Amino acid sequence: MGPVEWYYARGEKQQGPVPSAELKRLAAAGQLRPDDLVWREGLAEWTAARNVQGLFEELARPAAAGTAGVKGISIPPQVVTPPAGPAPVPAAAQPAARPLATLWGGRHFFDVLLDYLRQLIPSRFVEATAQVMERVGRIGLLAGMGLCLLFGLTVSIQNNQMIAVIVGIMVFLTLAVLQYGAGKFCAALERLNHTTTYVVCSTAFLDWSALLFLLTAVGVLLGTIVAALEAERPMFFLYGLGGFVVCLYLAMIALRPESIQISVSPEIRAGEEAIGVFSFALKSLVRLTPVLFGTGVAVGCLSMAYTCVLLFVKSTLDAVSGAGPAQSILLYSAVLPIAAYLLFLLYVLLVEVCRALLVLPGKLDKISGEEEEGESNNPPDSESPR
């Protein structure tokens, strides 16, 4: 039978599994408090750490009738050597199956909601979404190129003017170059995301950002639905849907900061915390870039297709007035990966300068201390008596 492994909820995050000896060490070091919740396989629900016999000797008490589910739980005093590799966790030992029922315990409703959403959204899903949207953007640009060329050619034939087809060819060639660059720079951004890591001291800013983006996503979707119905402009809903996708993805990034190589460590200094928070904002933009790229291209393509339909069923003037915004959306979306790449490189350069400034006082103090120590060990030469 394998060693007992424990899960514990510290602050706002679930941790574990850890062996019994490690749980006891955390309690002795003050990193696990008596009111924190713990759970292991065989328990019906989470329980306060104070109820685990041998964990907090000064708080130990016989299990009451209301806590019969934890009776007999004990931490052996001897040191338990952990296995060489991670032991497989049985399916029944996954506390994630009952977060709402057992982790509520006086916590804020938003904390419980965010934890529940965090468990529903794995980090791999955040990365896979970016990859899918990047492909959507590259393929959509090809469709947008064809639609722009078709639009220019049709307007030129209907009005017997060459300027429209020339503009269509120029837009076609520009999008072709940008489509090539978008694929290259999206891949470069993905590599930069995995090779640059930053740290924050807590999940406070991340959780607040996730909640803000979730509420914004809902507001954008509902607002654009009402605007589209009142103005009788279906394109409003299309733009709102794009905004909803972007805000929802930003919330996913905040819920899963490990997808952008942001970790949490309470031991960092205030300067590192500032760098971590700003890095979270910019790295979120880096991770968001493929989604913005794909969403923008999809909206631009649909707008361009709608414009081409107007060209055939309504007047040319209505179609021409709608072609400009559609082509602009395609162009701006295609430029996004290049702009994000350059902006991120500039930010990393500034961060390196800031980090050098943060460690400079410590290095100067160290050098000064070494010089003083050297002077004390080597007194100045004095003239020998004659």
Protein backbone atom coordinates (compact mmCIF):
# COMPACT_ATOMS: atom_id res chain seq x y z
CA MET A 1 0.00 0.00 0.00
CA GLY A 2 1.46 3.38 -0.97
CA PRO A 3 2.06 6.27 1.45
CA VAL A 4 -0.86 8.51 2.40
CA GLU A 5 -0.97 11.67 0.31
CA TRP A 6 -2.73 14.83 1.39
CA TYR A 7 -4.28 17.78 -0.38
CA TYR A 8 -4.59 21.13 1.38
CA ALA A 9 -6.19 24.47 0.57
CA ARG A 10 -3.90 27.35 1.49
CA GLY A 11 -5.15 30.86 0.84
CA GLU A 12 -7.14 30.71 -2.35
CA LYS A 13 -5.45 27.76 -4.07
CA GLN A 14 -5.55 24.01 -3.71
CA GLN A 15 -2.13 22.39 -3.17
CA GLY A 16 -0.83 18.82 -3.16
CA PRO A 17 -0.59 15.97 -3.06
CA VAL A 18 2.11 15.82 -0.36
CA PRO A 19 3.12 12.93 1.93
CA SER A 20 2.27 12.94 5.63
CA ALA A 21 5.78 14.03 6.65
CA GLU A 22 5.64 17.05 4.38
CA LEU A 23 2.20 18.02 5.73
CA LYS A 24 3.59 17.89 9.27
CA ARG A 25 6.61 19.98 8.21
CA LEU A 26 4.32 22.61 6.68
CA ALA A 27 2.34 22.80 9.92
CA ALA A 28 5.51 23.11 12.02
CA ALA A 29 6.83 25.88 9.76
CA GLY A 30 3.59 27.84 9.99
CA GLN A 31 2.84 27.40 6.29
CA LEU A 32 -0.24 25.33 7.14
CA ARG A 33 -2.63 26.87 9.66
CA PRO A 34 -5.09 25.04 11.91
CA ASP A 35 -8.06 26.52 10.02
CA ASP A 36 -6.77 25.49 6.58
CA LEU A 37 -8.66 22.64 4.91
CA VAL A 38 -7.04 19.26 4.23
CA TRP A 39 -8.22 16.10 2.47
CA ARG A 40 -6.94 12.62 1.63
CA GLU A 41 -8.38 9.54 0.00
CA GLY A 42 -10.94 7.91 2.24
CA LEU A 43 -12.41 11.12 3.68
CA ALA A 44 -15.94 12.04 2.74
CA GLU A 45 -15.15 15.76 2.67
CA TRP A 46 -12.50 18.35 3.46
CA THR A 47 -11.75 19.05 7.11
CA ALA A 48 -9.84 21.65 9.11
CA ALA A 49 -6.18 20.80 9.69
CA ARG A 50 -6.70 21.17 13.44
CA ASN A 51 -8.79 17.96 13.32
CA VAL A 52 -5.88 15.84 12.11
CA GLN A 53 -4.35 14.06 15.09
CA GLY A 54 -0.65 14.69 15.55
CA LEU A 55 -0.55 17.70 13.24
CA PHE A 56 -1.18 20.45 15.82
CA GLU A 57 -0.51 18.83 19.19
CA GLU A 58 -1.40 21.96 21.11
CA LEU A 59 -4.79 22.09 19.41
CA ALA A 60 -5.47 18.37 19.28
CA ARG A 61 -8.77 17.31 20.72
CA PRO A 62 -10.93 14.19 20.55
CA ALA A 63 -13.11 14.03 17.49
CA ALA A 64 -16.64 15.07 18.32
CA ALA A 65 -19.72 13.39 16.99
CA GLY A 66 -20.03 16.02 14.27
CA THR A 67 -16.50 15.23 13.04
CA ALA A 68 -16.72 11.49 13.00
CA GLY A 69 -15.52 11.51 9.42
CA VAL A 70 -11.97 12.43 10.57
CA LYS A 71 -11.73 10.13 13.59
CA GLY A 72 -8.64 8.00 13.50
CA ILE A 73 -6.69 10.24 11.17
CA SER A 74 -3.14 10.56 12.43
CA ILE A 75 0.28 11.74 11.34
CA PRO A 76 2.97 9.30 12.47
CA PRO A 77 5.83 10.96 14.37
CA GLN A 78 8.54 9.17 12.42
CA VAL A 79 9.87 10.60 9.17
CA VAL A 80 8.30 9.06 6.10
CA THR A 81 10.62 8.87 3.10
CA PRO A 82 8.73 9.95 -0.02
CA PRO A 83 8.81 7.61 -3.01
CA ALA A 84 11.41 8.12 -5.72
CA GLY A 85 8.81 9.16 -8.27
CA PRO A 86 5.34 10.67 -8.08
CA ALA A 87 2.85 8.06 -7.01
CA PRO A 88 -0.25 7.77 -9.18
CA VAL A 89 -3.23 9.51 -7.64
CA PRO A 90 -6.43 7.42 -7.76
CA ALA A 91 -9.45 9.00 -9.40
CA ALA A 92 -11.24 9.06 -6.07
CA ALA A 93 -8.42 11.18 -4.61
CA GLN A 94 -9.08 14.11 -6.84
CA PRO A 95 -10.65 16.83 -4.68
CA ALA A 96 -11.39 18.87 -7.77
CA ALA A 97 -14.60 16.87 -8.19
CA ARG A 98 -16.26 18.66 -5.28
CA PRO A 99 -14.91 22.20 -4.91
CA LEU A 100 -18.22 23.96 -4.41
CA ALA A 101 -19.48 21.52 -1.81
CA THR A 102 -16.38 21.37 0.40
CA LEU A 103 -14.28 24.48 -0.17
CA TRP A 104 -16.97 27.10 0.47
CA GLY A 105 -16.26 27.42 4.21
CA GLY A 106 -16.56 31.19 4.70
CA ARG A 107 -14.81 32.14 1.46
CA HIS A 108 -16.03 34.88 -0.85
CA PHE A 109 -18.43 33.77 -3.56
CA PHE A 110 -16.15 35.15 -6.29
CA ASP A 111 -13.20 33.13 -4.96
CA VAL A 112 -15.22 29.92 -5.13
CA LEU A 113 -16.47 30.82 -8.63
CA LEU A 114 -12.98 31.57 -9.92
CA ASP A 115 -11.57 28.35 -8.43
CA TYR A 116 -14.36 26.39 -10.06
CA LEU A 117 -13.70 28.00 -13.44
CA ARG A 118 -9.97 27.46 -13.01
CA GLN A 119 -10.52 23.75 -12.61
CA LEU A 120 -12.71 23.67 -15.72
CA ILE A 121 -10.07 25.39 -17.88
CA PRO A 122 -6.72 23.53 -18.10
CA SER A 123 -3.59 25.40 -19.17
CA ARG A 124 -3.36 23.26 -22.27
CA PHE A 125 -6.74 24.55 -23.41
CA VAL A 126 -5.46 28.15 -23.25
CA GLU A 127 -2.47 27.25 -25.41
CA ALA A 128 -4.52 25.14 -27.85
CA THR A 129 -7.01 28.00 -28.32
CA ALA A 130 -4.19 30.34 -29.33
CA GLN A 131 -2.85 27.80 -31.82
CA VAL A 132 -6.28 27.25 -33.37
CA MET A 133 -6.98 30.98 -33.68
CA GLU A 134 -3.57 31.56 -35.28
CA ARG A 135 -4.47 29.01 -37.98
CA VAL A 136 -7.88 30.62 -38.38
CA GLY A 137 -6.16 33.96 -38.95
CA ARG A 138 -3.71 32.67 -41.55
CA ILE A 139 -6.39 30.80 -43.49
CA GLY A 140 -8.86 33.66 -43.11
CA LEU A 141 -6.36 36.12 -44.59
CA LEU A 142 -6.23 34.00 -47.73
CA ALA A 143 -10.01 34.22 -47.99
CA GLY A 144 -9.89 37.96 -47.28
CA MET A 145 -7.33 38.48 -50.04
CA GLY A 146 -9.64 36.78 -52.52
CA LEU A 147 -12.68 38.77 -51.37
CA CYS A 148 -10.81 42.10 -51.65
CA LEU A 149 -9.64 41.26 -55.15
CA LEU A 150 -13.13 40.13 -56.17
CA PHE A 151 -14.67 43.30 -54.76
CA GLY A 152 -12.24 45.56 -56.59
CA LEU A 153 -12.72 43.73 -59.86
CA THR A 154 -16.53 43.83 -59.59
CA VAL A 155 -16.66 47.54 -58.75
CA SER A 156 -14.29 48.27 -61.63
CA ILE A 157 -16.49 46.40 -64.10
CA GLN A 158 -19.74 47.95 -62.82
CA ASN A 159 -18.42 51.52 -62.91
CA ASN A 160 -15.97 51.13 -65.78
CA GLN A 161 -13.09 52.47 -63.64
CA MET A 162 -9.64 50.93 -63.28
CA ILE A 163 -8.89 52.55 -59.92
CA ALA A 164 -11.02 50.02 -58.01
CA VAL A 165 -9.22 46.99 -59.40
CA ILE A 166 -5.83 48.64 -58.78
CA VAL A 167 -6.78 49.23 -55.14
CA GLY A 168 -7.98 45.63 -54.91
CA ILE A 169 -4.65 44.34 -56.26
CA MET A 170 -2.67 46.52 -53.83
CA VAL A 171 -4.72 45.29 -50.87
CA PHE A 172 -4.28 41.71 -52.10
CA LEU A 173 -0.49 42.01 -52.26
CA THR A 174 -0.28 43.79 -48.90
CA LEU A 175 -2.32 41.10 -47.20
CA ALA A 176 -0.18 38.42 -48.84
CA VAL A 177 2.99 39.89 -47.32
CA LEU A 178 1.33 40.37 -43.93
CA GLN A 179 -0.06 36.83 -43.99
CA TYR A 180 3.46 35.46 -44.42
CA GLY A 181 4.81 37.64 -41.62
CA ALA A 182 1.93 36.85 -39.26
CA GLY A 183 2.75 33.14 -39.28
CA LYS A 184 6.44 33.79 -38.60
CA PHE A 185 5.90 36.30 -35.83
CA CYS A 186 3.19 34.25 -34.09
CA ALA A 187 5.68 31.38 -33.85
CA ALA A 188 8.35 33.77 -32.52
CA LEU A 189 5.93 35.12 -29.90
CA GLU A 190 5.15 31.58 -28.76
CA ARG A 191 8.85 30.87 -28.25
CA LEU A 192 9.36 34.14 -26.36
CA ASN A 193 6.40 33.33 -24.14
CA HIS A 194 7.95 30.00 -23.08
CA THR A 195 11.46 31.40 -22.51
CA THR A 196 10.57 34.44 -20.37
CA THR A 197 9.31 33.86 -16.83
CA TYR A 198 8.12 36.31 -14.17
CA VAL A 199 6.85 36.09 -10.58
CA VAL A 200 4.08 37.76 -8.55
CA CYS A 201 3.62 37.55 -4.79
CA SER A 202 -0.06 36.48 -4.86
CA THR A 203 -2.99 35.82 -7.15
CA ALA A 204 -4.84 38.96 -6.01
CA PHE A 205 -4.26 40.98 -9.18
CA LEU A 206 -4.75 37.92 -11.39
CA ASP A 207 -8.06 36.94 -9.79
CA TRP A 208 -9.35 40.52 -9.91
CA SER A 209 -8.38 40.76 -13.59
CA ALA A 210 -10.13 37.48 -14.39
CA LEU A 211 -13.34 38.64 -12.74
CA LEU A 212 -13.17 42.01 -14.51
CA PHE A 213 -12.68 40.40 -17.92
CA LEU A 214 -15.54 37.96 -17.32
CA LEU A 215 -17.94 40.77 -16.45
CA THR A 216 -16.71 42.82 -19.42
CA ALA A 217 -17.25 39.88 -21.78
CA VAL A 218 -20.85 39.48 -20.64
CA GLY A 219 -21.46 43.24 -20.86
CA VAL A 220 -20.00 43.49 -24.36
CA LEU A 221 -22.10 40.59 -25.65
CA LEU A 222 -25.38 41.82 -24.16
CA GLY A 223 -24.70 45.44 -25.14
CA THR A 224 -23.98 44.65 -28.77
CA ILE A 225 -27.05 42.40 -29.03
CA VAL A 226 -29.24 45.29 -27.88
CA ALA A 227 -27.43 47.76 -30.17
CA ALA A 228 -27.77 45.47 -33.19
CA LEU A 229 -31.50 45.00 -32.59
CA GLU A 230 -32.19 48.69 -32.05
CA ALA A 231 -30.12 49.91 -35.01
CA GLU A 232 -31.07 46.95 -37.21
CA ARG A 233 -27.39 46.50 -38.04
CA PRO A 234 -26.39 42.83 -37.82
CA MET A 235 -22.71 43.75 -38.10
CA PHE A 236 -22.86 45.27 -34.62
CA PHE A 237 -23.49 41.82 -33.21
CA LEU A 238 -20.52 40.46 -35.16
CA TYR A 239 -18.20 43.07 -33.66
CA GLY A 240 -19.61 42.40 -30.20
CA LEU A 241 -19.05 38.67 -30.60
CA GLY A 242 -15.41 39.34 -31.43
CA GLY A 243 -15.07 41.50 -28.31
CA PHE A 244 -16.72 38.80 -26.22
CA VAL A 245 -14.21 36.19 -27.41
CA VAL A 246 -11.26 38.48 -26.67
CA CYS A 247 -12.44 39.37 -23.14
CA LEU A 248 -13.26 35.75 -22.36
CA TYR A 249 -9.80 34.63 -23.45
CA LEU A 250 -8.15 37.30 -21.29
CA ALA A 251 -10.11 35.93 -18.33
CA MET A 252 -8.81 32.44 -19.15
CA ILE A 253 -5.23 33.74 -19.16
CA ALA A 254 -5.71 35.38 -15.76
CA LEU A 255 -7.17 32.15 -14.37
CA ARG A 256 -4.24 30.17 -15.74
CA PRO A 257 -1.15 32.42 -15.42
CA GLU A 258 1.14 29.42 -15.85
CA SER A 259 0.13 29.47 -19.54
CA ILE A 260 2.17 32.67 -19.85
CA GLN A 261 4.95 31.51 -17.49
CA ILE A 262 3.80 33.63 -14.53
CA SER A 263 4.30 31.94 -11.15
CA VAL A 264 3.39 32.91 -7.58
CA SER A 265 5.98 33.28 -4.81
CA PRO A 266 5.24 35.22 -1.59
CA GLU A 267 8.96 35.84 -0.92
CA ILE A 268 9.61 38.34 -3.72
CA ARG A 269 10.30 42.03 -3.15
CA ALA A 270 8.08 44.95 -4.12
CA GLY A 271 10.19 45.77 -7.18
CA GLU A 272 9.87 42.22 -8.50
CA GLU A 273 6.14 42.35 -7.81
CA ALA A 274 5.83 45.48 -9.94
CA ILE A 275 7.75 43.83 -12.76
CA GLY A 276 5.57 40.72 -12.41
CA VAL A 277 2.30 42.65 -12.61
CA PHE A 278 3.34 44.66 -15.66
CA SER A 279 4.78 41.51 -17.22
CA PHE A 280 1.46 39.76 -16.69
CA ALA A 281 -0.27 42.56 -18.59
CA LEU A 282 2.16 42.45 -21.51
CA LYS A 283 2.49 38.68 -21.65
CA SER A 284 -1.28 38.47 -21.67
CA LEU A 285 -1.15 40.63 -24.78
CA VAL A 286 1.46 38.29 -26.27
CA ARG A 287 -0.73 35.26 -25.57
CA LEU A 288 -3.79 37.16 -26.76
CA THR A 289 -2.18 38.21 -30.06
CA PRO A 290 -3.01 34.99 -31.98
CA VAL A 291 -6.59 35.18 -30.70
CA LEU A 292 -6.89 38.85 -31.68
CA PHE A 293 -5.33 38.01 -35.02
CA GLY A 294 -7.72 35.15 -35.74
CA THR A 295 -10.79 36.93 -34.38
CA GLY A 296 -10.03 40.15 -36.27
CA VAL A 297 -9.42 38.32 -39.53
CA ALA A 298 -12.65 36.33 -39.11
CA VAL A 299 -14.64 39.51 -38.46
CA GLY A 300 -12.95 41.25 -41.39
CA CYS A 301 -13.66 38.35 -43.75
CA LEU A 302 -17.31 38.18 -42.76
CA SER A 303 -17.61 41.95 -43.13
CA MET A 304 -16.01 41.78 -46.54
CA ALA A 305 -18.31 38.94 -47.59
CA TYR A 306 -21.31 40.97 -46.41
CA THR A 307 -20.02 43.92 -48.44
CA CYS A 308 -19.71 41.75 -51.56
CA VAL A 309 -23.32 40.61 -51.08
CA LEU A 310 -24.42 44.26 -50.88
CA LEU A 311 -22.53 44.92 -54.07
CA PHE A 312 -24.75 42.49 -55.95
CA VAL A 313 -28.13 43.11 -54.27
CA LYS A 314 -27.95 46.86 -53.47
CA SER A 315 -26.29 49.98 -54.77
CA THR A 316 -22.56 50.21 -55.30
CA LEU A 317 -22.36 53.21 -52.97
CA ASP A 318 -23.57 51.18 -49.94
CA ALA A 319 -21.07 48.45 -50.71
CA VAL A 320 -18.14 50.83 -51.17
CA SER A 321 -18.87 52.55 -47.85
CA GLY A 322 -18.68 49.19 -46.09
CA ALA A 323 -15.58 47.92 -47.88
CA GLY A 324 -13.24 50.43 -46.26
CA PRO A 325 -13.85 49.35 -42.63
CA ALA A 326 -13.75 45.66 -43.59
CA GLN A 327 -10.40 46.02 -45.36
CA SER A 328 -9.04 48.08 -42.47
CA ILE A 329 -9.96 45.33 -39.99
CA LEU A 330 -8.10 42.80 -42.13
CA LEU A 331 -5.01 45.00 -42.41
CA TYR A 332 -4.87 45.92 -38.71
CA SER A 333 -5.39 42.32 -37.66
CA ALA A 334 -2.59 41.14 -39.93
CA VAL A 335 -0.19 43.75 -38.49
CA LEU A 336 -0.91 42.73 -34.87
CA PRO A 337 1.64 39.85 -34.59
CA ILE A 338 4.47 42.05 -35.89
CA ALA A 339 3.55 44.95 -33.59
CA ALA A 340 3.21 42.66 -30.55
CA TYR A 341 6.60 41.08 -31.26
CA LEU A 342 8.40 44.44 -31.40
CA LEU A 343 6.54 45.77 -28.34
CA PHE A 344 7.41 42.69 -26.30
CA LEU A 345 11.11 42.92 -27.19
CA LEU A 346 11.12 46.57 -26.12
CA TYR A 347 9.45 45.67 -22.83
CA VAL A 348 11.91 42.85 -22.09
CA LEU A 349 14.76 45.29 -22.68
CA LEU A 350 13.24 47.76 -20.20
CA VAL A 351 12.68 44.97 -17.65
CA GLU A 352 16.33 43.93 -17.85
CA VAL A 353 17.37 47.52 -17.23
CA CYS A 354 15.00 47.76 -14.24
CA ARG A 355 16.29 44.51 -12.78
CA ALA A 356 19.86 45.74 -13.10
CA LEU A 357 18.90 48.91 -11.22
CA LEU A 358 17.15 46.90 -8.50
CA VAL A 359 20.20 44.74 -7.76
CA LEU A 360 22.72 47.58 -8.15
CA PRO A 361 22.45 48.88 -4.53
CA GLY A 362 23.07 45.40 -3.14
CA LYS A 363 26.09 44.89 -5.34
CA LEU A 364 27.51 48.29 -4.39
CA ASP A 365 27.04 47.49 -0.69
CA LYS A 366 28.77 44.15 -1.19
CA ILE A 367 31.72 45.76 -2.97
CA SER A 368 31.97 48.44 -0.26
CA GLY A 369 31.90 45.78 2.47
CA GLU A 370 34.64 43.77 0.75
CA GLU A 371 36.81 46.88 0.44
CA GLU A 372 36.35 47.75 4.13
CA GLU A 373 37.16 44.19 5.13
CA GLY A 374 40.28 44.25 2.99
CA GLU A 375 41.45 47.49 4.57
CA SER A 376 40.91 46.12 8.07
CA ASN A 377 42.90 42.97 7.26
CA ASN A 378 45.73 44.92 5.62
CA PRO A 379 46.67 47.94 7.78
CA PRO A 380 48.82 50.60 6.16
CA ASP A 381 52.59 50.09 6.32
CA SER A 382 54.39 52.11 8.97
CA GLU A 383 58.02 53.09 8.99
CA SER A 384 60.15 50.66 10.98
CA PRO A 385 61.97 52.20 13.94
CA ARG A 386 65.62 52.98 13.38
